[in-house]
Amino acid sequence: MYKEEIKIELTIKEKQELEFQHSKERDRRVADRIKAVLLNAEGWTQKQIAQALRIRYETVQNHLNDYKNSKS
């Protein structure tokens, strides 16, 4: 079942840095993580992100949690 929605807020600088990193990234998993964070910050739900990226809902949650934990 779906868990509580995670919400990430990005500054303009953080968004630009992630977009730049994504443009250079060759590892698909890392690129998906970046896309999940960017889409979440734009207001997409985790379910929408999972569907768009063709990955599991739990994977989206893991990506978002990993990003949040890396900022703590």
Protein backbone atom coordinates (compact mmCIF):
# COMPACT_ATOMS: atom_id res chain seq x y z
CA MET A 1 0.00 0.00 0.00
CA TYR A 2 1.05 3.57 -0.51
CA LYS A 3 2.76 5.32 2.35
CA GLU A 4 2.69 8.96 3.34
CA GLU A 5 3.73 11.31 0.54
CA ILE A 6 7.24 12.73 0.74
CA LYS A 7 7.60 16.36 -0.28
CA ILE A 8 10.92 17.86 -1.30
CA GLU A 9 11.44 21.58 -1.74
CA LEU A 10 14.38 22.79 -3.80
CA THR A 11 15.99 26.17 -4.09
CA ILE A 12 16.60 27.49 -7.59
CA LYS A 13 20.30 26.70 -7.13
CA GLU A 14 19.60 23.11 -6.01
CA LYS A 15 17.28 22.60 -8.98
CA GLN A 16 19.90 23.93 -11.40
CA GLU A 17 22.59 21.72 -9.84
CA LEU A 18 20.38 18.63 -10.14
CA GLU A 19 19.47 19.43 -13.75
CA PHE A 20 23.17 19.86 -14.60
CA GLN A 21 24.09 16.62 -12.80
CA HIS A 22 21.29 14.82 -14.67
CA SER A 23 22.58 16.05 -18.03
CA LYS A 24 26.00 14.49 -17.28
CA GLU A 25 24.82 11.32 -15.53
CA ARG A 26 25.38 7.96 -17.23
CA ASP A 27 24.10 5.69 -14.46
CA ARG A 28 20.37 5.14 -15.09
CA ARG A 29 19.54 4.60 -11.42
CA VAL A 30 21.19 7.87 -10.42
CA ALA A 31 19.46 9.66 -13.31
CA ASP A 32 16.08 8.23 -12.20
CA ARG A 33 16.77 9.41 -8.65
CA ILE A 34 17.46 12.94 -9.90
CA LYS A 35 14.31 12.93 -12.05
CA ALA A 36 12.23 11.67 -9.12
CA VAL A 37 13.50 14.49 -6.90
CA LEU A 38 12.93 17.14 -9.56
CA LEU A 39 9.43 15.91 -10.40
CA ASN A 40 8.50 15.67 -6.72
CA ALA A 41 9.66 19.25 -6.18
CA GLU A 42 7.44 20.27 -9.12
CA GLY A 43 4.40 18.81 -7.36
CA TRP A 44 4.14 15.33 -8.90
CA THR A 45 2.93 12.56 -6.62
CA GLN A 46 5.07 9.52 -6.00
CA LYS A 47 2.54 7.40 -7.90
CA GLN A 48 2.74 9.72 -10.93
CA ILE A 49 6.54 9.67 -10.81
CA ALA A 50 6.60 5.86 -10.62
CA GLN A 51 4.30 5.61 -13.62
CA ALA A 52 6.23 8.16 -15.69
CA LEU A 53 9.64 6.64 -14.97
CA ARG A 54 8.32 3.04 -15.20
CA ILE A 55 9.71 2.16 -11.79
CA ARG A 56 8.10 0.84 -8.62
CA TYR A 57 6.40 3.19 -6.15
CA GLU A 58 8.74 1.91 -3.42
CA THR A 59 11.74 2.77 -5.58
CA VAL A 60 10.50 6.35 -5.88
CA GLN A 61 10.13 6.49 -2.09
CA ASN A 62 13.66 5.15 -1.68
CA HIS A 63 15.04 7.74 -4.12
CA LEU A 64 13.27 10.59 -2.31
CA ASN A 65 14.31 9.34 1.13
CA ASP A 66 17.91 8.92 -0.04
CA TYR A 67 17.92 12.49 -1.30
CA LYS A 68 16.39 13.86 1.91
CA ASN A 69 18.88 11.92 4.03
CA SER A 70 21.81 13.19 1.96
CA LYS A 71 20.72 16.76 2.77
CA SER A 72 20.46 16.17 6.55
